[in-house]
Amino acid sequence: MSDRPSLALVNSGDKHVPELEGRKKLSSKAVWSIALLALGACATSKPPYVVGAAGPWKQGYGLQNLQGIDLAIEEINKAGGIDGHQLRVIPRDDDGDGPTAAKIARDFVSMGSISAVIGHVNSSGMLSAAPVYDGQLAAVATSATSPDLSGISSWVFRIISSDSLNGIALANFASRSGLRTPATVAVLYENNTYGRGLADSFRRSFHGEILSLDPINADMASAEPYISYLKTRKPKIVFVAGRVASGLKILQEAKRQGFNATFVGGDGWQGILADTALSEGTYIGMSFTAEDPTPAARAFVAAFRKKFNTDPDAHAALAYDATRLIAQALKAKGPDRRAIRDYLHSLNRESAYQGLTGPAFFEDTGDPVGMRFRVLRAHDGLLTLAEAK
């Protein structure tokens, strides 16, 4: 049958096809049978479900987010996918930049195959992307904590609690720490969306005397002026609303000058644990720790360590939870965008995704209900639940 189609038309990537076609013991009937089987497999396989993901992947906290997403998708697909549909992700790096995040959001909205978005990771990116997603595509932010996100769009959710709540928890801890003596605190904050929001919430909720409230540059060359000034004010507690780079410079300079105040940071400080000596004795508020003893957390940490040869922090856990939450929505409603948005709004305590960072369901504002936020103490490179002293 000289005019039969080549098997290469079914699997053009198979380098052995020409050899198969040349073998006399493979009859034309057998070749047709192989071709029909291959075509049948393609016809009956279910198309993948596709989600977008956006964040500053080159940053340490962004990479942890991306790795959490990667692990969740790998586990879902190894278990058979979502009712037989493999889950695929299109990751885009927004550099934590508002205009870049908005452009990526427009791209995601225009791609009909994308059913939902994991992210964005930080507040500035999510604040810029939210108006683009509104009415178009559901997005579940991972570690975007700005209070300005609350109620910004009925299509935007977040898996982490707002800084308005996190700041209260940190302020209450710091206030209790000064019960036996007057509580005095100095506040340093990065002059960005994250720093300003967290510092403002802390300031309004702290029960004690605030000696100073000063902005800092996220990329400052040295913390020497700040520590020199704080030594003259002599606060018992220094609260820093910032991220790792500025935090390490502050702690390093405090150690150099022999300034021994108690340092407290928000979830942006998780990465300072990489420097065991500088982070010793600091207090950090966050949603998850790799030392969490629960069975689900132990399994997650073990899988993360095996895949990435490092410990997960709260950023990884939050992104893992956001991914599995969206997978739960896809399983319940399929890839329809509006159905996914409506499903996320319909969740309650009974139907919530039971995540590593708490049960995931939402207020009308898109803020999570019941998510955990705890203050932990750094000791020997590990984090343990802190008690106010």
Protein backbone atom coordinates (compact mmCIF):
# COMPACT_ATOMS: atom_id res chain seq x y z
CA MET A 1 0.00 0.00 0.00
CA SER A 2 2.34 2.62 -1.31
CA ASP A 3 0.04 5.60 -0.58
CA ARG A 4 -0.56 4.85 3.15
CA PRO A 5 0.45 7.63 5.52
CA SER A 6 3.81 7.37 7.24
CA LEU A 7 3.82 6.58 10.96
CA ALA A 8 5.91 9.76 11.28
CA LEU A 9 2.70 11.76 10.80
CA VAL A 10 1.46 10.32 14.09
CA ASN A 11 4.72 10.69 15.97
CA SER A 12 7.11 12.83 14.00
CA GLY A 13 9.51 12.99 16.94
CA ASP A 14 10.24 9.23 16.90
CA LYS A 15 13.69 8.73 15.37
CA HIS A 16 12.99 5.04 14.86
CA VAL A 17 9.98 5.51 12.55
CA PRO A 18 11.90 5.12 9.25
CA GLU A 19 13.46 1.90 10.56
CA LEU A 20 10.03 0.58 11.58
CA GLU A 21 8.59 1.32 8.17
CA GLY A 22 11.39 -0.57 6.49
CA ARG A 23 10.97 -3.81 8.45
CA LYS A 24 9.25 -6.51 6.36
CA LYS A 25 7.79 -8.26 9.44
CA LEU A 26 5.61 -5.21 10.20
CA SER A 27 2.66 -5.56 7.86
CA SER A 28 0.74 -2.56 6.62
CA LYS A 29 -2.18 -3.69 8.79
CA ALA A 30 0.05 -3.65 11.88
CA VAL A 31 1.35 -0.18 11.05
CA TRP A 32 -2.21 1.10 10.61
CA SER A 33 -3.14 -0.44 13.96
CA ILE A 34 -0.27 1.35 15.69
CA ALA A 35 -1.27 4.63 14.05
CA LEU A 36 -4.91 4.29 15.04
CA LEU A 37 -3.95 3.48 18.63
CA ALA A 38 -1.79 6.59 18.78
CA LEU A 39 -4.52 8.75 17.28
CA GLY A 40 -7.05 7.28 19.69
CA ALA A 41 -4.84 8.10 22.65
CA CYS A 42 -4.58 11.71 21.51
CA ALA A 43 -8.33 11.92 20.99
CA THR A 44 -9.23 10.58 24.44
CA SER A 45 -6.57 12.40 26.51
CA LYS A 46 -7.96 15.35 28.43
CA PRO A 47 -6.58 18.83 27.73
CA PRO A 48 -4.54 20.39 30.54
CA TYR A 49 -5.86 23.04 32.85
CA VAL A 50 -3.67 26.15 32.66
CA VAL A 51 -2.99 28.81 35.28
CA GLY A 52 -0.75 31.85 35.29
CA ALA A 53 1.72 32.74 38.04
CA ALA A 54 3.52 36.03 38.58
CA GLY A 55 6.10 37.29 41.05
CA PRO A 56 9.67 38.53 41.43
CA TRP A 57 11.31 35.16 40.85
CA LYS A 58 14.87 36.51 41.05
CA GLN A 59 14.32 37.67 44.64
CA GLY A 60 14.79 35.11 47.42
CA TYR A 61 11.19 35.33 48.59
CA GLY A 62 9.98 35.23 44.99
CA LEU A 63 11.98 32.07 44.32
CA GLN A 64 10.44 30.43 47.39
CA ASN A 65 7.02 31.26 45.97
CA LEU A 66 7.89 29.76 42.60
CA GLN A 67 9.26 26.61 44.22
CA GLY A 68 6.10 26.22 46.32
CA ILE A 69 4.00 26.45 43.15
CA ASP A 70 6.27 23.97 41.35
CA LEU A 71 6.04 21.40 44.14
CA ALA A 72 2.25 21.65 44.38
CA ILE A 73 1.80 21.20 40.62
CA GLU A 74 4.23 18.26 40.56
CA GLU A 75 2.31 16.51 43.35
CA ILE A 76 -1.06 17.17 41.71
CA ASN A 77 0.06 15.80 38.35
CA LYS A 78 1.77 12.75 39.83
CA ALA A 79 -1.51 11.93 41.55
CA GLY A 80 -3.34 11.92 38.21
CA GLY A 81 -4.00 15.60 37.76
CA ILE A 82 -7.41 17.18 38.26
CA ASP A 83 -9.97 14.58 37.19
CA GLY A 84 -7.47 13.45 34.56
CA HIS A 85 -6.46 16.95 33.43
CA GLN A 86 -2.81 17.78 34.01
CA LEU A 87 -2.20 21.16 35.63
CA ARG A 88 0.13 23.50 33.75
CA VAL A 89 1.51 26.86 34.84
CA ILE A 90 2.74 29.82 32.81
CA PRO A 91 5.14 31.70 35.13
CA ARG A 92 6.03 35.32 34.47
CA ASP A 93 8.55 37.46 36.36
CA ASP A 94 7.09 40.84 37.29
CA ASP A 95 10.19 42.03 39.25
CA GLY A 96 7.82 43.27 41.96
CA ASP A 97 7.22 46.26 39.70
CA GLY A 98 3.73 47.71 39.32
CA PRO A 99 3.74 48.59 35.59
CA THR A 100 5.36 45.24 34.73
CA ALA A 101 2.78 43.39 36.82
CA ALA A 102 -0.07 45.21 35.07
CA LYS A 103 1.32 44.28 31.65
CA ILE A 104 1.63 40.64 32.66
CA ALA A 105 -1.94 40.74 33.97
CA ARG A 106 -3.15 42.03 30.59
CA ASP A 107 -1.28 39.18 28.89
CA PHE A 108 -2.87 36.61 31.21
CA VAL A 109 -6.35 38.03 30.63
CA SER A 110 -5.86 37.86 26.86
CA MET A 111 -4.81 34.20 26.97
CA GLY A 112 -8.07 32.28 26.84
CA SER A 113 -6.46 29.06 28.06
CA ILE A 114 -5.61 30.57 31.47
CA SER A 115 -8.33 29.87 34.04
CA ALA A 116 -6.89 31.65 37.10
CA VAL A 117 -3.71 33.27 38.42
CA ILE A 118 -1.47 32.35 41.34
CA GLY A 119 -0.14 35.69 42.53
CA HIS A 120 0.99 38.27 42.36
CA VAL A 121 3.53 37.84 45.15
CA ASN A 122 4.03 41.32 46.59
CA SER A 123 1.72 44.24 47.27
CA SER A 124 2.92 46.70 44.62
CA GLY A 125 2.53 44.11 41.87
CA MET A 126 -0.90 43.00 43.05
CA LEU A 127 -2.19 46.54 43.49
CA SER A 128 -1.30 47.33 39.88
CA ALA A 129 -2.60 44.04 38.47
CA ALA A 130 -5.90 43.96 40.39
CA PRO A 131 -7.80 46.47 38.18
CA VAL A 132 -6.78 44.45 35.12
CA TYR A 133 -8.13 41.19 36.58
CA ASP A 134 -11.37 42.82 37.73
CA GLY A 135 -14.29 41.22 35.90
CA GLN A 136 -11.93 39.04 33.86
CA LEU A 137 -9.80 36.56 35.80
CA ALA A 138 -9.57 35.36 39.40
CA ALA A 139 -6.19 35.90 41.06
CA VAL A 140 -5.06 34.56 44.45
CA ALA A 141 -2.16 36.63 45.82
CA THR A 142 0.35 34.71 47.91
CA SER A 143 2.25 37.11 50.18
CA ALA A 144 0.82 40.52 49.20
CA THR A 145 -0.13 42.06 52.54
CA SER A 146 -1.03 45.69 51.88
CA PRO A 147 -4.30 46.80 53.52
CA ASP A 148 -5.07 48.65 50.28
CA LEU A 149 -5.84 45.30 48.63
CA SER A 150 -8.84 44.65 50.87
CA GLY A 151 -11.95 44.89 48.68
CA ILE A 152 -10.02 46.19 45.66
CA SER A 153 -11.83 43.75 43.35
CA SER A 154 -14.30 40.89 43.74
CA TRP A 155 -11.96 38.89 41.47
CA VAL A 156 -8.88 39.30 43.68
CA PHE A 157 -8.15 37.17 46.75
CA ARG A 158 -5.13 36.61 48.95
CA ILE A 159 -3.99 33.65 50.99
CA ILE A 160 -2.11 35.75 53.57
CA SER A 161 -3.64 38.07 56.13
CA SER A 162 -3.42 41.84 55.68
CA ASP A 163 -0.74 43.96 57.32
CA SER A 164 -3.58 45.63 59.20
CA LEU A 165 -3.96 42.34 61.11
CA ASN A 166 -0.30 41.31 61.08
CA GLY A 167 0.75 44.66 62.50
CA ILE A 168 -1.80 44.25 65.30
CA ALA A 169 -0.40 40.80 66.17
CA LEU A 170 3.16 42.12 66.22
CA ALA A 171 2.20 45.21 68.23
CA ASN A 172 0.32 43.12 70.77
CA PHE A 173 3.35 40.87 71.17
CA ALA A 174 5.68 43.83 71.62
CA SER A 175 3.25 45.45 74.08
CA ARG A 176 3.05 42.30 76.19
CA SER A 177 6.83 42.08 76.17
CA GLY A 178 6.91 45.33 78.13
CA LEU A 179 4.29 44.51 80.74
CA ARG A 180 6.73 44.42 83.65
CA THR A 181 8.45 47.64 82.63
CA PRO A 182 7.27 50.50 80.41
CA ALA A 183 7.27 49.35 76.79
CA THR A 184 9.33 51.66 74.58
CA VAL A 185 9.77 51.04 70.87
CA ALA A 186 11.47 52.61 67.86
CA VAL A 187 10.03 51.88 64.43
CA LEU A 188 12.02 51.68 61.20
CA TYR A 189 10.13 51.05 57.97
CA GLU A 190 11.01 50.71 54.32
CA ASN A 191 9.41 53.57 52.43
CA ASN A 192 7.32 51.35 50.15
CA THR A 193 3.83 49.85 50.15
CA TYR A 194 4.77 46.94 52.39
CA GLY A 195 6.82 48.91 54.90
CA ARG A 196 4.41 51.82 55.27
CA GLY A 197 1.34 49.61 55.70
CA LEU A 198 2.89 47.32 58.29
CA ALA A 199 4.47 50.18 60.26
CA ASP A 200 1.21 52.14 60.34
CA SER A 201 -0.74 49.16 61.66
CA PHE A 202 1.91 48.48 64.30
CA ARG A 203 1.99 52.14 65.35
CA ARG A 204 -1.77 52.35 65.84
CA SER A 205 -1.92 49.12 67.86
CA PHE A 206 1.15 49.36 70.09
CA HIS A 207 0.40 49.94 73.78
CA GLY A 208 3.43 51.83 75.03
CA GLU A 209 5.66 54.70 74.07
CA ILE A 210 6.86 55.05 70.48
CA LEU A 211 10.15 56.94 70.69
CA SER A 212 10.72 57.35 66.95
CA LEU A 213 9.22 56.42 63.59
CA ASP A 214 11.65 56.67 60.68
CA PRO A 215 11.69 55.60 57.00
CA ILE A 216 14.67 53.72 55.60
CA ASN A 217 15.82 52.85 52.10
CA ALA A 218 15.36 49.22 51.12
CA ASP A 219 18.75 49.30 49.38
CA MET A 220 20.61 51.46 51.89
CA ALA A 221 24.39 51.17 51.82
CA SER A 222 24.77 51.28 55.60
CA ALA A 223 22.57 51.33 58.70
CA GLU A 224 25.16 53.25 60.73
CA PRO A 225 23.18 56.54 60.99
CA TYR A 226 20.03 54.76 62.14
CA ILE A 227 21.68 52.65 64.82
CA SER A 228 23.74 55.60 66.07
CA TYR A 229 20.53 57.59 66.45
CA LEU A 230 18.64 54.73 68.14
CA LYS A 231 21.42 54.36 70.69
CA THR A 232 20.66 57.89 71.88
CA ARG A 233 16.93 57.08 72.25
CA LYS A 234 17.50 53.72 74.00
CA PRO A 235 14.34 51.85 72.98
CA LYS A 236 13.79 48.43 74.49
CA ILE A 237 12.31 47.15 71.24
CA VAL A 238 13.08 48.04 67.62
CA PHE A 239 10.35 47.10 65.17
CA VAL A 240 11.49 46.92 61.54
CA ALA A 241 8.94 46.81 58.72
CA GLY A 242 11.17 45.75 55.84
CA ARG A 243 12.76 42.89 53.99
CA VAL A 244 15.91 40.84 54.29
CA ALA A 245 18.51 43.09 52.68
CA SER A 246 17.87 46.11 54.89
CA GLY A 247 17.21 43.89 57.90
CA LEU A 248 20.60 42.21 57.76
CA LYS A 249 22.35 45.59 57.50
CA ILE A 250 20.46 46.86 60.54
CA LEU A 251 21.29 43.78 62.61
CA GLN A 252 24.92 43.81 61.49
CA GLU A 253 25.35 47.46 62.45
CA ALA A 254 23.58 46.93 65.79
CA LYS A 255 25.99 44.13 66.60
CA ARG A 256 28.99 46.26 65.56
CA GLN A 257 27.90 49.12 67.81
CA GLY A 258 26.90 46.88 70.71
CA PHE A 259 23.27 48.01 70.53
CA ASN A 260 21.31 45.28 72.34
CA ALA A 261 17.64 46.17 71.88
CA THR A 262 15.16 43.41 71.07
CA PHE A 263 14.51 43.36 67.30
CA VAL A 264 11.10 42.42 65.90
CA GLY A 265 10.32 42.08 62.19
CA GLY A 266 7.39 41.15 59.99
CA ASP A 267 7.11 38.31 57.47
CA GLY A 268 9.55 40.14 55.19
CA TRP A 269 12.31 39.13 57.60
CA GLN A 270 12.05 35.37 57.09
CA GLY A 271 15.23 35.17 55.03
CA ILE A 272 17.46 36.60 57.76
CA LEU A 273 17.63 33.10 59.25
CA ALA A 274 20.27 32.34 56.63
CA ASP A 275 22.66 34.32 58.85
CA THR A 276 22.40 32.35 62.07
CA ALA A 277 24.58 34.70 64.12
CA LEU A 278 22.82 37.94 63.17
CA SER A 279 19.30 36.53 63.42
CA GLU A 280 19.85 34.98 66.87
CA GLY A 281 17.26 36.22 69.34
CA THR A 282 15.18 38.20 66.85
CA TYR A 283 11.40 37.84 66.66
CA ILE A 284 9.63 37.40 63.34
CA GLY A 285 5.93 37.31 62.52
CA MET A 286 4.93 34.84 59.83
CA SER A 287 2.35 32.33 58.64
CA PHE A 288 4.45 29.16 58.59
CA THR A 289 7.69 27.71 59.86
CA ALA A 290 9.61 24.67 58.68
CA GLU A 291 9.60 23.53 62.33
CA ASP A 292 5.80 23.17 62.34
CA PRO A 293 5.18 19.72 63.92
CA THR A 294 1.88 18.90 62.19
CA PRO A 295 1.89 15.85 59.86
CA ALA A 296 0.93 17.91 56.79
CA ALA A 297 3.75 20.38 57.44
CA ARG A 298 6.30 17.61 58.03
CA ALA A 299 5.34 15.99 54.70
CA PHE A 300 5.56 19.33 52.88
CA VAL A 301 8.95 20.17 54.37
CA ALA A 302 10.35 16.72 53.53
CA ALA A 303 9.13 16.94 49.92
CA PHE A 304 10.45 20.49 49.53
CA ARG A 305 13.86 19.56 50.92
CA LYS A 306 14.08 16.54 48.62
CA LYS A 307 13.21 18.56 45.52
CA PHE A 308 15.11 21.80 46.19
CA ASN A 309 17.73 20.84 48.81
CA THR A 310 16.68 23.69 51.09
CA ASP A 311 14.03 24.44 53.69
CA PRO A 312 10.75 26.12 52.73
CA ASP A 313 9.73 29.34 54.40
CA ALA A 314 6.27 30.85 54.71
CA HIS A 315 6.45 32.23 51.15
CA ALA A 316 6.77 28.70 49.78
CA ALA A 317 3.96 27.42 51.99
CA LEU A 318 1.62 30.26 51.00
CA ALA A 319 2.25 29.71 47.28
CA TYR A 320 1.80 25.95 47.72
CA ASP A 321 -1.54 26.61 49.43
CA ALA A 322 -2.67 29.10 46.76
CA THR A 323 -1.88 26.57 44.02
CA ARG A 324 -3.76 23.75 45.71
CA LEU A 325 -6.68 26.06 46.44
CA ILE A 326 -7.00 26.94 42.75
CA ALA A 327 -6.68 23.23 41.91
CA GLN A 328 -9.61 22.58 44.27
CA ALA A 329 -11.62 25.23 42.43
CA LEU A 330 -10.75 23.67 39.06
CA LYS A 331 -11.84 20.26 40.31
CA ALA A 332 -15.16 21.65 41.52
CA LYS A 333 -15.99 23.93 38.59
CA GLY A 334 -13.69 23.18 35.67
CA PRO A 335 -11.74 25.87 33.77
CA ASP A 336 -14.51 28.49 33.54
CA ARG A 337 -13.12 31.78 34.87
CA ARG A 338 -16.30 33.17 36.41
CA ALA A 339 -17.21 29.83 37.94
CA ILE A 340 -13.81 29.72 39.64
CA ARG A 341 -14.27 33.26 40.99
CA ASP A 342 -17.75 32.39 42.29
CA TYR A 343 -16.47 29.17 43.85
CA LEU A 344 -13.74 31.01 45.77
CA HIS A 345 -16.33 33.45 47.13
CA SER A 346 -18.62 30.57 48.15
CA LEU A 347 -16.08 28.83 50.37
CA ASN A 348 -16.80 28.58 54.09
CA ARG A 349 -15.32 26.83 57.10
CA GLU A 350 -16.69 23.47 56.02
CA SER A 351 -15.68 23.68 52.34
CA ALA A 352 -12.37 25.53 52.81
CA TYR A 353 -9.12 24.16 51.48
CA GLN A 354 -7.28 22.94 54.58
CA GLY A 355 -3.90 24.49 53.98
CA LEU A 356 -0.51 24.48 55.65
CA THR A 357 -1.09 28.10 56.67
CA GLY A 358 -4.68 27.59 57.82
CA PRO A 359 -8.11 26.93 56.33
CA ALA A 360 -8.51 28.96 53.15
CA PHE A 361 -11.81 30.79 52.72
CA PHE A 362 -12.55 34.47 52.31
CA GLU A 363 -14.38 37.54 53.49
CA ASP A 364 -16.24 39.62 50.91
CA THR A 365 -13.10 41.77 50.69
CA GLY A 366 -11.04 38.81 49.41
CA ASP A 367 -9.08 38.67 52.67
CA PRO A 368 -8.61 35.23 54.22
CA VAL A 369 -10.53 34.03 57.26
CA GLY A 370 -8.74 31.88 59.80
CA MET A 371 -5.24 32.06 58.34
CA ARG A 372 -2.53 31.70 60.97
CA PHE A 373 -0.04 34.45 61.80
CA ARG A 374 2.34 33.84 64.69
CA VAL A 375 5.36 35.48 66.26
CA LEU A 376 8.39 33.20 66.29
CA ARG A 377 11.84 33.48 67.86
CA ALA A 378 15.06 32.76 65.98
CA HIS A 379 17.47 30.48 67.81
CA ASP A 380 20.33 28.48 66.26
CA GLY A 381 18.91 29.12 62.80
CA LEU A 382 15.50 27.72 63.71
CA LEU A 383 12.17 29.33 64.55
CA THR A 384 10.10 28.41 67.58
CA LEU A 385 6.82 29.87 68.87
CA ALA A 386 7.65 32.95 70.93
CA GLU A 387 6.30 33.89 74.32
CA ALA A 388 6.10 37.51 75.35
CA LYS A 389 8.43 38.35 78.24
